[in-house]
Amino acid sequence: MPCFPISCRWSSCITLSRSAAIYAGGNYGVIEELYVEPGFRSQFIGKALLAEAISFAKEEGWPRLEVSTPERENWQRTIDFYLREGFLENSVGERLKLEL
């Protein structure tokens, strides 16, 4: 699967890959990594990177983005970020989706 480094700066990075599944109706995007250096968090950098990824996904014609999340007990803040940005929990374990 190709990986698309959507935006990488010295303090942050987001990468996407294209995937395909019958349940998704064909191709869709997967956020492989969204990282912001600790000293730069809570400055809306992650939100800006996610906006760039959503824009890219729409240009590609993907109907959705998904992200696998780490275990809730240690990463609730990460999960809350995605939920605030419109991702929804689904029945596939700790994987969240955003309908575009």
Foldseek 3Di string as FASTA:
>chain_A
DDKAFQDDDPFWTWIKDWDADVVQVGIAIETPDTDGHPVCPPVCPSVVSVVSVVVVRVVVVHQKYKYADPDCVVPVVVVVVVVVVAWDDDDPPRMTMHGD
